[in-house]
Amino acid sequence: MEAVFLLQVFLLGISNAFILGANSCKSPPVASGFRNERYNGLWYEVSKAQTAGGGFFEKDCVCTTIDVQPDPSSTSGDSKAINSCRKLAPSGDFMNATGSLTNEGPLGHWKEGFFPGAPKADYTIIYLTDNVAIEYDCSSFLGLITNYCIHILSRNPTLTPDEENAAIKYAESLGLNTQNLPYHKTLQSGCW
């Protein structure tokens, strides 16, 4: 079953996210003053820009959250990223994909993996305050297929329009959205 899923993700990536090398993954700076303690915990996704392959899990998601939990046995910043949402509506089926954040270095930059043996994505926190975070993850296959996501996160289910626009403007200033994808607001109304 896992092999079928991985094959589907791979084929989706080829058919919908084929990008030549000029649009490969970027290496943005980690958020200034990043500390794991500030990023750990529950975040609500407010909006996102993502390729079809990058957003395979989230394509039908509303009420999306990420709960970052440190691995208590790790001394190197390893964590779990528990991605949860509801399918299509706040009353929809609960969906979850838990990723492992490993090999942190520098602080705020990990490798994210979902399945043993599957390629890992670069996972970077590019902006972080007490209430707002921007997470960029990206993976490239043979330098030909690049999938990425830019997630605008908040400690609350919503941000003010000014806060959200400022976060998007900052992410765009780093040149991460190489396909000029639109940002989509994540439905959080009626979820909580």
C-alpha atoms as a PDB file:
ATOM      1  CA  MET A   1       0.000   0.000   0.000  1.00  0.00           C
ATOM      2  CA  GLU A   2       2.824   2.384   0.908  1.00  0.00           C
ATOM      3  CA  ALA A   3       4.586   1.604  -2.383  1.00  0.00           C
ATOM      4  CA  VAL A   4       1.419   2.425  -4.337  1.00  0.00           C
ATOM      5  CA  PHE A   5       1.092   5.730  -2.467  1.00  0.00           C
ATOM      6  CA  LEU A   6       4.724   6.656  -3.156  1.00  0.00           C
ATOM      7  CA  LEU A   7       4.301   5.772  -6.827  1.00  0.00           C
ATOM      8  CA  GLN A   8       1.224   8.012  -7.001  1.00  0.00           C
ATOM      9  CA  VAL A   9       3.105  10.897  -5.376  1.00  0.00           C
ATOM     10  CA  PHE A  10       5.986  10.395  -7.795  1.00  0.00           C
ATOM     11  CA  LEU A  11       3.720  10.294 -10.860  1.00  0.00           C
ATOM     12  CA  LEU A  12       1.800  13.326  -9.639  1.00  0.00           C
ATOM     13  CA  GLY A  13       5.078  15.161  -9.226  1.00  0.00           C
ATOM     14  CA  ILE A  14       6.156  14.298 -12.762  1.00  0.00           C
ATOM     15  CA  SER A  15       2.859  15.210 -14.374  1.00  0.00           C
ATOM     16  CA  ASN A  16       2.103  18.402 -12.444  1.00  0.00           C
ATOM     17  CA  ALA A  17       5.349  19.783 -11.109  1.00  0.00           C
ATOM     18  CA  PHE A  18       8.034  19.207 -13.729  1.00  0.00           C
ATOM     19  CA  ILE A  19      10.463  22.034 -13.389  1.00  0.00           C
ATOM     20  CA  LEU A  20      13.883  22.405 -14.966  1.00  0.00           C
ATOM     21  CA  GLY A  21      16.948  23.122 -12.859  1.00  0.00           C
ATOM     22  CA  ALA A  22      16.585  26.923 -12.797  1.00  0.00           C
ATOM     23  CA  ASN A  23      13.660  26.506 -10.434  1.00  0.00           C
ATOM     24  CA  SER A  24      15.336  24.089  -8.054  1.00  0.00           C
ATOM     25  CA  CYS A  25      15.023  24.300  -4.271  1.00  0.00           C
ATOM     26  CA  LYS A  26      16.249  27.492  -2.696  1.00  0.00           C
ATOM     27  CA  SER A  27      18.325  27.769   0.470  1.00  0.00           C
ATOM     28  CA  PRO A  28      16.771  30.656   2.373  1.00  0.00           C
ATOM     29  CA  PRO A  29      18.205  31.936   5.637  1.00  0.00           C
ATOM     30  CA  VAL A  30      16.732  30.615   8.851  1.00  0.00           C
ATOM     31  CA  ALA A  31      14.630  33.068  10.881  1.00  0.00           C
ATOM     32  CA  SER A  32      16.770  35.505  12.818  1.00  0.00           C
ATOM     33  CA  GLY A  33      17.168  34.431  16.435  1.00  0.00           C
ATOM     34  CA  PHE A  34      15.475  31.070  15.836  1.00  0.00           C
ATOM     35  CA  ARG A  35      15.044  28.888  18.911  1.00  0.00           C
ATOM     36  CA  ASN A  36      13.345  25.501  18.869  1.00  0.00           C
ATOM     37  CA  GLU A  37      11.299  26.348  21.971  1.00  0.00           C
ATOM     38  CA  ARG A  38       9.628  29.198  20.073  1.00  0.00           C
ATOM     39  CA  TYR A  39       8.645  26.941  17.169  1.00  0.00           C
ATOM     40  CA  ASN A  40       7.537  23.891  19.140  1.00  0.00           C
ATOM     41  CA  GLY A  41       3.810  23.480  19.748  1.00  0.00           C
ATOM     42  CA  LEU A  42       0.584  23.990  17.827  1.00  0.00           C
ATOM     43  CA  TRP A  43       0.347  26.216  14.749  1.00  0.00           C
ATOM     44  CA  TYR A  44      -2.637  26.921  12.494  1.00  0.00           C
ATOM     45  CA  GLU A  45      -2.083  27.197   8.757  1.00  0.00           C
ATOM     46  CA  VAL A  46      -3.470  30.542   7.567  1.00  0.00           C
ATOM     47  CA  SER A  47      -2.424  30.377   3.915  1.00  0.00           C
ATOM     48  CA  LYS A  48      -0.053  28.560   1.597  1.00  0.00           C
ATOM     49  CA  ALA A  49       1.499  28.446  -1.852  1.00  0.00           C
ATOM     50  CA  GLN A  50       2.466  24.992  -3.018  1.00  0.00           C
ATOM     51  CA  THR A  51       3.082  22.877  -6.065  1.00  0.00           C
ATOM     52  CA  ALA A  52       0.754  19.959  -6.781  1.00  0.00           C
ATOM     53  CA  GLY A  53       3.349  17.440  -5.638  1.00  0.00           C
ATOM     54  CA  GLY A  54       4.247  19.524  -2.602  1.00  0.00           C
ATOM     55  CA  GLY A  55       0.609  19.752  -1.594  1.00  0.00           C
ATOM     56  CA  PHE A  56      -0.421  16.178  -2.286  1.00  0.00           C
ATOM     57  CA  PHE A  57      -1.508  15.500   1.307  1.00  0.00           C
ATOM     58  CA  GLU A  58      -3.173  18.895   1.723  1.00  0.00           C
ATOM     59  CA  LYS A  59      -5.126  19.142  -1.517  1.00  0.00           C
ATOM     60  CA  ASP A  60      -8.543  18.685   0.156  1.00  0.00           C
ATOM     61  CA  CYS A  61      -7.614  20.066   3.589  1.00  0.00           C
ATOM     62  CA  VAL A  62      -9.370  22.614   5.776  1.00  0.00           C
ATOM     63  CA  CYS A  63      -8.794  23.276   9.479  1.00  0.00           C
ATOM     64  CA  THR A  64      -5.100  22.556   8.936  1.00  0.00           C
ATOM     65  CA  THR A  65      -2.696  22.521  11.874  1.00  0.00           C
ATOM     66  CA  ILE A  66       0.869  21.483  12.539  1.00  0.00           C
ATOM     67  CA  ASP A  67       1.966  20.424  15.984  1.00  0.00           C
ATOM     68  CA  VAL A  68       5.743  20.365  16.369  1.00  0.00           C
ATOM     69  CA  GLN A  69       6.858  18.082  19.190  1.00  0.00           C
ATOM     70  CA  PRO A  70      10.523  17.686  20.166  1.00  0.00           C
ATOM     71  CA  ASP A  71      11.912  14.169  20.330  1.00  0.00           C
ATOM     72  CA  PRO A  72      12.727  13.762  24.045  1.00  0.00           C
ATOM     73  CA  SER A  73      15.493  11.278  23.276  1.00  0.00           C
ATOM     74  CA  SER A  74      17.273  13.665  20.879  1.00  0.00           C
ATOM     75  CA  THR A  75      19.963  16.174  21.753  1.00  0.00           C
ATOM     76  CA  SER A  76      20.168  17.525  18.199  1.00  0.00           C
ATOM     77  CA  GLY A  77      16.759  19.168  17.698  1.00  0.00           C
ATOM     78  CA  ASP A  78      14.950  16.184  16.140  1.00  0.00           C
ATOM     79  CA  SER A  79      11.181  16.612  16.267  1.00  0.00           C
ATOM     80  CA  LYS A  80       7.879  15.311  14.964  1.00  0.00           C
ATOM     81  CA  ALA A  81       5.710  17.502  12.763  1.00  0.00           C
ATOM     82  CA  ILE A  82       2.134  16.299  13.192  1.00  0.00           C
ATOM     83  CA  ASN A  83       0.220  17.662  10.183  1.00  0.00           C
ATOM     84  CA  SER A  84      -3.550  17.369  10.676  1.00  0.00           C
ATOM     85  CA  CYS A  85      -6.621  18.584   8.852  1.00  0.00           C
ATOM     86  CA  ARG A  86     -10.225  17.830   7.955  1.00  0.00           C
ATOM     87  CA  LYS A  87     -11.168  16.685   4.473  1.00  0.00           C
ATOM     88  CA  LEU A  88     -13.197  19.269   2.511  1.00  0.00           C
ATOM     89  CA  ALA A  89     -15.196  20.656   5.480  1.00  0.00           C
ATOM     90  CA  PRO A  90     -14.823  21.259   9.236  1.00  0.00           C
ATOM     91  CA  SER A  91     -16.953  18.152   9.801  1.00  0.00           C
ATOM     92  CA  GLY A  92     -15.011  16.104   7.238  1.00  0.00           C
ATOM     93  CA  ASP A  93     -12.839  13.080   7.879  1.00  0.00           C
ATOM     94  CA  PHE A  94      -9.794  13.696  10.059  1.00  0.00           C
ATOM     95  CA  MET A  95      -6.519  13.315   8.140  1.00  0.00           C
ATOM     96  CA  ASN A  96      -2.984  13.148   9.507  1.00  0.00           C
ATOM     97  CA  ALA A  97       0.531  12.917   8.121  1.00  0.00           C
ATOM     98  CA  THR A  98       3.297  12.874  10.705  1.00  0.00           C
ATOM     99  CA  GLY A  99       6.729  13.840   9.488  1.00  0.00           C
ATOM    100  CA  SER A 100      10.088  13.410  11.171  1.00  0.00           C
ATOM    101  CA  LEU A 101      12.284  16.493  11.383  1.00  0.00           C
ATOM    102  CA  THR A 102      15.885  15.297  11.613  1.00  0.00           C
ATOM    103  CA  ASN A 103      19.476  16.419  11.060  1.00  0.00           C
ATOM    104  CA  GLU A 104      18.881  19.959  12.285  1.00  0.00           C
ATOM    105  CA  GLY A 105      21.608  22.277  11.158  1.00  0.00           C
ATOM    106  CA  PRO A 106      21.675  25.162  11.373  1.00  0.00           C
ATOM    107  CA  LEU A 107      18.979  25.677  14.020  1.00  0.00           C
ATOM    108  CA  GLY A 108      15.633  26.004  12.226  1.00  0.00           C
ATOM    109  CA  HIS A 109      16.591  23.846   9.231  1.00  0.00           C
ATOM    110  CA  TRP A 110      15.837  20.122   9.134  1.00  0.00           C
ATOM    111  CA  LYS A 111      15.306  17.261   6.743  1.00  0.00           C
ATOM    112  CA  GLU A 112      11.646  16.196   6.766  1.00  0.00           C
ATOM    113  CA  GLY A 113      10.667  12.640   5.984  1.00  0.00           C
ATOM    114  CA  PHE A 114       7.350  10.809   6.018  1.00  0.00           C
ATOM    115  CA  PHE A 115       8.266   7.257   4.992  1.00  0.00           C
ATOM    116  CA  PRO A 116      11.429   5.217   5.545  1.00  0.00           C
ATOM    117  CA  GLY A 117      13.488   5.199   2.376  1.00  0.00           C
ATOM    118  CA  ALA A 118      11.544   8.036   0.732  1.00  0.00           C
ATOM    119  CA  PRO A 119      13.429  11.203  -0.259  1.00  0.00           C
ATOM    120  CA  LYS A 120      13.470  13.883   2.424  1.00  0.00           C
ATOM    121  CA  ALA A 121      12.609  17.535   1.942  1.00  0.00           C
ATOM    122  CA  ASP A 122      14.542  20.534   3.189  1.00  0.00           C
ATOM    123  CA  TYR A 123      12.378  22.136   5.896  1.00  0.00           C
ATOM    124  CA  THR A 124      13.259  25.667   6.976  1.00  0.00           C
ATOM    125  CA  ILE A 125      11.640  28.193   9.299  1.00  0.00           C
ATOM    126  CA  ILE A 126      12.324  31.465   7.509  1.00  0.00           C
ATOM    127  CA  TYR A 127      10.384  33.796   9.805  1.00  0.00           C
ATOM    128  CA  LEU A 128       9.359  33.420  13.435  1.00  0.00           C
ATOM    129  CA  THR A 129       7.711  35.633  16.031  1.00  0.00           C
ATOM    130  CA  ASP A 130       5.615  34.679  19.037  1.00  0.00           C
ATOM    131  CA  ASN A 131       2.504  34.589  16.814  1.00  0.00           C
ATOM    132  CA  VAL A 132       3.620  34.106  13.190  1.00  0.00           C
ATOM    133  CA  ALA A 133       5.873  31.602  11.433  1.00  0.00           C
ATOM    134  CA  ILE A 134       6.727  30.985   7.804  1.00  0.00           C
ATOM    135  CA  GLU A 135       7.859  27.490   6.883  1.00  0.00           C
ATOM    136  CA  TYR A 136       9.406  26.619   3.513  1.00  0.00           C
ATOM    137  CA  ASP A 137       9.893  23.016   2.499  1.00  0.00           C
ATOM    138  CA  CYS A 138      11.252  21.783  -0.785  1.00  0.00           C
ATOM    139  CA  SER A 139      12.470  18.615  -2.430  1.00  0.00           C
ATOM    140  CA  SER A 140      14.026  18.024  -5.793  1.00  0.00           C
ATOM    141  CA  PHE A 141      14.296  14.781  -7.723  1.00  0.00           C
ATOM    142  CA  LEU A 142      17.341  14.417  -9.987  1.00  0.00           C
ATOM    143  CA  GLY A 143      17.411  18.194 -10.313  1.00  0.00           C
ATOM    144  CA  LEU A 144      14.424  17.959 -12.669  1.00  0.00           C
ATOM    145  CA  ILE A 145      11.329  17.794 -10.494  1.00  0.00           C
ATOM    146  CA  THR A 146      10.964  20.331  -7.719  1.00  0.00           C
ATOM    147  CA  ASN A 147       8.093  20.465  -5.267  1.00  0.00           C
ATOM    148  CA  TYR A 148       7.776  23.123  -2.619  1.00  0.00           C
ATOM    149  CA  CYS A 149       5.403  24.606  -0.071  1.00  0.00           C
ATOM    150  CA  ILE A 150       5.375  27.971   1.658  1.00  0.00           C
ATOM    151  CA  HIS A 151       3.174  27.859   4.753  1.00  0.00           C
ATOM    152  CA  ILE A 152       2.021  30.966   6.638  1.00  0.00           C
ATOM    153  CA  LEU A 153       1.342  29.824  10.209  1.00  0.00           C
ATOM    154  CA  SER A 154      -0.184  31.440  13.277  1.00  0.00           C
ATOM    155  CA  ARG A 155      -0.611  30.514  16.927  1.00  0.00           C
ATOM    156  CA  ASN A 156      -4.292  31.451  16.413  1.00  0.00           C
ATOM    157  CA  PRO A 157      -6.664  30.240  13.680  1.00  0.00           C
ATOM    158  CA  THR A 158      -6.477  33.613  11.915  1.00  0.00           C
ATOM    159  CA  LEU A 159      -4.150  36.538  11.358  1.00  0.00           C
ATOM    160  CA  THR A 160      -5.078  40.111  10.590  1.00  0.00           C
ATOM    161  CA  PRO A 161      -4.924  40.859   6.856  1.00  0.00           C
ATOM    162  CA  ASP A 162      -1.911  43.128   7.510  1.00  0.00           C
ATOM    163  CA  GLU A 163      -0.033  40.340   9.346  1.00  0.00           C
ATOM    164  CA  GLU A 164      -0.812  37.793   6.639  1.00  0.00           C
ATOM    165  CA  ASN A 165       0.142  40.166   3.807  1.00  0.00           C
ATOM    166  CA  ALA A 166       3.398  41.105   5.557  1.00  0.00           C
ATOM    167  CA  ALA A 167       4.290  37.409   5.937  1.00  0.00           C
ATOM    168  CA  ILE A 168       3.550  36.707   2.271  1.00  0.00           C
ATOM    169  CA  LYS A 169       5.519  39.789   1.203  1.00  0.00           C
ATOM    170  CA  TYR A 170       8.513  38.607   3.233  1.00  0.00           C
ATOM    171  CA  ALA A 171       8.380  35.090   1.760  1.00  0.00           C
ATOM    172  CA  GLU A 172       8.098  36.529  -1.744  1.00  0.00           C
ATOM    173  CA  SER A 173      11.091  38.810  -1.137  1.00  0.00           C
ATOM    174  CA  LEU A 174      13.256  35.686  -0.718  1.00  0.00           C
ATOM    175  CA  GLY A 175      12.415  34.395  -4.215  1.00  0.00           C
ATOM    176  CA  LEU A 176      11.117  31.051  -2.921  1.00  0.00           C
ATOM    177  CA  ASN A 177       7.940  30.966  -5.016  1.00  0.00           C
ATOM    178  CA  THR A 178       9.766  30.110  -8.232  1.00  0.00           C
ATOM    179  CA  GLN A 179       6.555  29.223 -10.085  1.00  0.00           C
ATOM    180  CA  ASN A 180       4.720  32.379  -8.944  1.00  0.00           C
ATOM    181  CA  LEU A 181       1.967  30.238  -7.461  1.00  0.00           C
ATOM    182  CA  PRO A 182      -0.963  31.990  -5.798  1.00  0.00           C
ATOM    183  CA  TYR A 183      -1.358  31.873  -2.055  1.00  0.00           C
ATOM    184  CA  HIS A 184      -4.540  30.134  -0.942  1.00  0.00           C
ATOM    185  CA  LYS A 185      -6.223  30.987   2.323  1.00  0.00           C
ATOM    186  CA  THR A 186      -6.781  27.938   4.536  1.00  0.00           C
ATOM    187  CA  LEU A 187     -10.323  27.618   5.854  1.00  0.00           C
ATOM    188  CA  GLN A 188     -10.228  27.816   9.651  1.00  0.00           C
ATOM    189  CA  SER A 189     -13.740  29.215  10.244  1.00  0.00           C
ATOM    190  CA  GLY A 190     -16.077  26.737  11.904  1.00  0.00           C
ATOM    191  CA  CYS A 191     -13.212  24.420  12.829  1.00  0.00           C
ATOM    192  CA  TRP A 192     -12.698  25.251  16.470  1.00  0.00           C
END
